[in-house]
Amino acid sequence: MFQDKNRALHNERWSKFPLIFQTERKEYLKKYKITDPVYVHGDLNPDNVLIDAEGKIYIIDFADAVLAPSEYELAAIKNLKTPH
């Protein structure tokens, strides 16, 4: 079974934040349904996406890939910016 939710609830790094934030965070996590884990890239950014002459897309550099909820990758995609 996937145990990241329990680990997230008890992670000490959040203890430096105000108590109200900690309380709201824990309440949110208790209600949040974590999806079945999938392999996520972990470092999806323009440097790790190649496009060949025919427009075929390749994703490279899976050094940071982990088994995690799919939402982990969605957070990275949200921050993905195309180079100018």
N, C-alpha and C. Protein backbone atom coordinates (compact mmCIF):
# COMPACT_ATOMS: atom_id res chain seq x y z
N MET A 1 0.84 -1.19 0.00
CA MET A 1 0.00 0.00 0.00
C MET A 1 0.88 1.25 0.00
N PHE A 2 0.38 2.29 -0.59
CA PHE A 2 1.14 3.54 -0.72
C PHE A 2 1.12 4.30 0.60
N GLN A 3 2.29 4.61 1.15
CA GLN A 3 2.37 5.19 2.49
C GLN A 3 2.76 6.67 2.51
N ASP A 4 2.84 7.34 1.39
CA ASP A 4 3.28 8.74 1.38
C ASP A 4 2.34 9.67 2.14
N LYS A 5 1.05 9.37 2.18
CA LYS A 5 0.11 10.23 2.88
C LYS A 5 0.44 10.27 4.37
N ASN A 6 0.69 9.14 4.96
CA ASN A 6 1.05 9.08 6.38
C ASN A 6 2.37 9.79 6.63
N ARG A 7 3.33 9.60 5.75
CA ARG A 7 4.62 10.27 5.89
C ARG A 7 4.46 11.78 5.77
N ALA A 8 3.61 12.22 4.84
CA ALA A 8 3.37 13.66 4.66
C ALA A 8 2.71 14.27 5.89
N LEU A 9 1.81 13.53 6.52
CA LEU A 9 1.12 14.03 7.71
C LEU A 9 2.07 14.28 8.87
N HIS A 10 3.13 13.48 8.95
CA HIS A 10 4.03 13.54 10.11
C HIS A 10 5.42 14.09 9.78
N ASN A 11 5.57 14.74 8.64
CA ASN A 11 6.86 15.26 8.23
C ASN A 11 7.23 16.48 9.09
N GLU A 12 8.38 16.43 9.73
CA GLU A 12 8.82 17.48 10.66
C GLU A 12 9.21 18.79 9.98
N ARG A 13 9.49 18.76 8.68
CA ARG A 13 9.92 20.00 8.02
C ARG A 13 8.84 21.07 8.04
N TRP A 14 7.58 20.68 8.25
CA TRP A 14 6.49 21.65 8.29
C TRP A 14 6.34 22.29 9.66
N SER A 15 7.07 21.83 10.66
CA SER A 15 6.92 22.33 12.03
C SER A 15 7.34 23.79 12.18
N LYS A 16 8.12 24.32 11.26
CA LYS A 16 8.55 25.72 11.36
C LYS A 16 7.47 26.70 10.91
N PHE A 17 6.41 26.18 10.28
CA PHE A 17 5.32 27.03 9.81
C PHE A 17 4.32 27.30 10.93
N PRO A 18 3.53 28.37 10.81
CA PRO A 18 2.55 28.70 11.86
C PRO A 18 1.59 27.54 12.12
N LEU A 19 1.14 27.44 13.35
CA LEU A 19 0.27 26.34 13.76
C LEU A 19 -1.01 26.27 12.93
N ILE A 20 -1.59 27.41 12.59
CA ILE A 20 -2.82 27.41 11.79
C ILE A 20 -2.58 26.77 10.43
N PHE A 21 -1.41 27.05 9.84
CA PHE A 21 -1.07 26.44 8.55
C PHE A 21 -0.91 24.93 8.71
N GLN A 22 -0.20 24.51 9.75
CA GLN A 22 0.01 23.08 10.00
C GLN A 22 -1.32 22.35 10.17
N THR A 23 -2.23 22.96 10.91
CA THR A 23 -3.54 22.35 11.16
C THR A 23 -4.34 22.23 9.87
N GLU A 24 -4.39 23.31 9.09
CA GLU A 24 -5.13 23.27 7.83
C GLU A 24 -4.52 22.28 6.85
N ARG A 25 -3.21 22.21 6.82
CA ARG A 25 -2.50 21.28 5.94
C ARG A 25 -2.85 19.84 6.30
N LYS A 26 -2.83 19.52 7.58
CA LYS A 26 -3.16 18.15 8.01
C LYS A 26 -4.61 17.80 7.71
N GLU A 27 -5.51 18.74 7.91
CA GLU A 27 -6.93 18.49 7.60
C GLU A 27 -7.12 18.23 6.10
N TYR A 28 -6.42 19.01 5.29
CA TYR A 28 -6.50 18.82 3.84
C TYR A 28 -5.98 17.43 3.46
N LEU A 29 -4.82 17.07 3.99
CA LEU A 29 -4.23 15.78 3.64
C LEU A 29 -5.09 14.61 4.09
N LYS A 30 -5.75 14.74 5.22
CA LYS A 30 -6.62 13.66 5.71
C LYS A 30 -7.78 13.42 4.75
N LYS A 31 -8.29 14.48 4.12
CA LYS A 31 -9.42 14.36 3.20
C LYS A 31 -8.99 14.03 1.77
N TYR A 32 -7.73 14.32 1.45
CA TYR A 32 -7.24 14.17 0.08
C TYR A 32 -7.09 12.70 -0.28
N LYS A 33 -7.63 12.31 -1.43
CA LYS A 33 -7.50 10.93 -1.90
C LYS A 33 -6.27 10.84 -2.80
N ILE A 34 -5.30 10.10 -2.33
CA ILE A 34 -4.09 9.90 -3.13
C ILE A 34 -4.36 8.80 -4.14
N THR A 35 -4.04 9.06 -5.39
CA THR A 35 -4.27 8.09 -6.45
C THR A 35 -3.26 6.95 -6.36
N ASP A 36 -3.53 5.90 -7.10
CA ASP A 36 -2.56 4.81 -7.16
C ASP A 36 -1.25 5.35 -7.71
N PRO A 37 -0.13 4.88 -7.19
CA PRO A 37 1.15 5.42 -7.64
C PRO A 37 1.46 5.04 -9.09
N VAL A 38 2.15 5.94 -9.75
CA VAL A 38 2.63 5.73 -11.12
C VAL A 38 4.08 6.22 -11.15
N TYR A 39 4.81 5.87 -12.18
CA TYR A 39 6.16 6.41 -12.32
C TYR A 39 6.06 7.82 -12.89
N VAL A 40 6.62 8.78 -12.19
CA VAL A 40 6.63 10.16 -12.67
C VAL A 40 8.08 10.57 -12.96
N HIS A 41 8.23 11.43 -13.93
CA HIS A 41 9.56 11.86 -14.38
C HIS A 41 10.32 12.56 -13.27
N GLY A 42 9.69 13.50 -12.61
CA GLY A 42 10.31 14.19 -11.48
C GLY A 42 11.10 15.44 -11.82
N ASP A 43 11.45 15.62 -13.10
CA ASP A 43 12.22 16.81 -13.49
C ASP A 43 11.86 17.21 -14.91
N LEU A 44 10.57 17.27 -15.20
CA LEU A 44 10.13 17.61 -16.54
C LEU A 44 10.31 19.11 -16.77
N ASN A 45 11.21 19.44 -17.67
CA ASN A 45 11.49 20.83 -18.01
C ASN A 45 11.98 20.87 -19.46
N PRO A 46 12.08 22.04 -20.07
CA PRO A 46 12.47 22.11 -21.49
C PRO A 46 13.80 21.43 -21.81
N ASP A 47 14.73 21.37 -20.87
CA ASP A 47 16.01 20.72 -21.13
C ASP A 47 15.87 19.20 -21.29
N ASN A 48 14.77 18.64 -20.80
CA ASN A 48 14.57 17.19 -20.85
C ASN A 48 13.55 16.76 -21.90
N VAL A 49 13.19 17.68 -22.78
CA VAL A 49 12.26 17.37 -23.88
C VAL A 49 12.96 17.66 -25.20
N LEU A 50 13.07 16.65 -26.05
CA LEU A 50 13.70 16.80 -27.36
C LEU A 50 12.64 16.62 -28.44
N ILE A 51 12.76 17.37 -29.52
CA ILE A 51 11.86 17.24 -30.66
C ILE A 51 12.73 17.06 -31.90
N ASP A 52 12.50 15.94 -32.62
CA ASP A 52 13.33 15.70 -33.81
C ASP A 52 12.78 16.47 -35.01
N ALA A 53 13.46 16.34 -36.15
CA ALA A 53 13.12 17.09 -37.36
C ALA A 53 11.71 16.79 -37.86
N GLU A 54 11.18 15.62 -37.50
CA GLU A 54 9.83 15.24 -37.94
C GLU A 54 8.76 15.60 -36.91
N GLY A 55 9.17 16.26 -35.82
CA GLY A 55 8.21 16.67 -34.80
C GLY A 55 7.92 15.63 -33.74
N LYS A 56 8.66 14.53 -33.75
CA LYS A 56 8.48 13.48 -32.75
C LYS A 56 9.09 13.94 -31.43
N ILE A 57 8.35 13.77 -30.33
CA ILE A 57 8.79 14.25 -29.02
C ILE A 57 9.42 13.12 -28.23
N TYR A 58 10.55 13.42 -27.58
CA TYR A 58 11.25 12.47 -26.72
C TYR A 58 11.46 13.11 -25.35
N ILE A 59 11.19 12.36 -24.31
CA ILE A 59 11.49 12.82 -22.96
C ILE A 59 12.71 12.05 -22.48
N ILE A 60 13.70 12.78 -21.98
CA ILE A 60 14.97 12.17 -21.56
C ILE A 60 15.23 12.47 -20.08
N ASP A 61 16.29 11.88 -19.55
CA ASP A 61 16.80 12.13 -18.20
C ASP A 61 15.79 11.73 -17.12
N PHE A 62 15.69 10.44 -16.90
CA PHE A 62 14.78 9.92 -15.89
C PHE A 62 15.48 9.67 -14.56
N ALA A 63 16.57 10.38 -14.29
CA ALA A 63 17.33 10.19 -13.05
C ALA A 63 16.50 10.48 -11.80
N ASP A 64 15.53 11.39 -11.91
CA ASP A 64 14.71 11.76 -10.75
C ASP A 64 13.35 11.07 -10.75
N ALA A 65 13.16 10.08 -11.61
CA ALA A 65 11.87 9.38 -11.68
C ALA A 65 11.60 8.63 -10.37
N VAL A 66 10.35 8.70 -9.93
CA VAL A 66 9.94 8.03 -8.70
C VAL A 66 8.55 7.45 -8.86
N LEU A 67 8.21 6.52 -7.99
CA LEU A 67 6.87 5.98 -7.91
C LEU A 67 6.10 6.89 -6.97
N ALA A 68 5.10 7.60 -7.49
CA ALA A 68 4.39 8.61 -6.71
C ALA A 68 3.00 8.83 -7.30
N PRO A 69 2.14 9.56 -6.59
CA PRO A 69 0.85 9.90 -7.17
C PRO A 69 1.05 10.73 -8.44
N SER A 70 0.18 10.56 -9.41
CA SER A 70 0.33 11.28 -10.68
C SER A 70 0.32 12.79 -10.50
N GLU A 71 -0.27 13.27 -9.41
CA GLU A 71 -0.30 14.72 -9.15
C GLU A 71 1.09 15.31 -9.03
N TYR A 72 2.09 14.52 -8.65
CA TYR A 72 3.45 15.03 -8.55
C TYR A 72 3.91 15.59 -9.89
N GLU A 73 3.61 14.86 -10.97
CA GLU A 73 4.02 15.31 -12.30
C GLU A 73 3.20 16.51 -12.75
N LEU A 74 1.93 16.56 -12.37
CA LEU A 74 1.09 17.69 -12.76
C LEU A 74 1.63 18.99 -12.19
N ALA A 75 2.17 18.95 -10.99
CA ALA A 75 2.75 20.15 -10.39
C ALA A 75 3.93 20.64 -11.22
N ALA A 76 4.74 19.72 -11.72
CA ALA A 76 5.89 20.09 -12.55
C ALA A 76 5.43 20.67 -13.89
N ILE A 77 4.41 20.07 -14.48
CA ILE A 77 3.92 20.54 -15.77
C ILE A 77 3.34 21.95 -15.65
N LYS A 78 2.68 22.22 -14.54
CA LYS A 78 2.10 23.54 -14.31
C LYS A 78 3.18 24.63 -14.36
N ASN A 79 4.38 24.29 -13.89
CA ASN A 79 5.47 25.26 -13.85
C ASN A 79 6.37 25.21 -15.08
N LEU A 80 6.06 24.34 -16.01
CA LEU A 80 6.87 24.18 -17.22
C LEU A 80 6.72 25.40 -18.12
N LYS A 81 7.84 25.98 -18.50
CA LYS A 81 7.81 27.15 -19.38
C LYS A 81 8.59 26.83 -20.65
N THR A 82 8.11 27.29 -21.76
CA THR A 82 8.82 27.07 -23.01
C THR A 82 9.92 28.10 -23.17
N PRO A 83 11.08 27.68 -23.67
CA PRO A 83 12.18 28.63 -23.86
C PRO A 83 11.86 29.60 -24.99
N HIS A 84 12.36 30.82 -24.89
CA HIS A 84 12.12 31.83 -25.93
C HIS A 84 13.37 32.05 -26.73
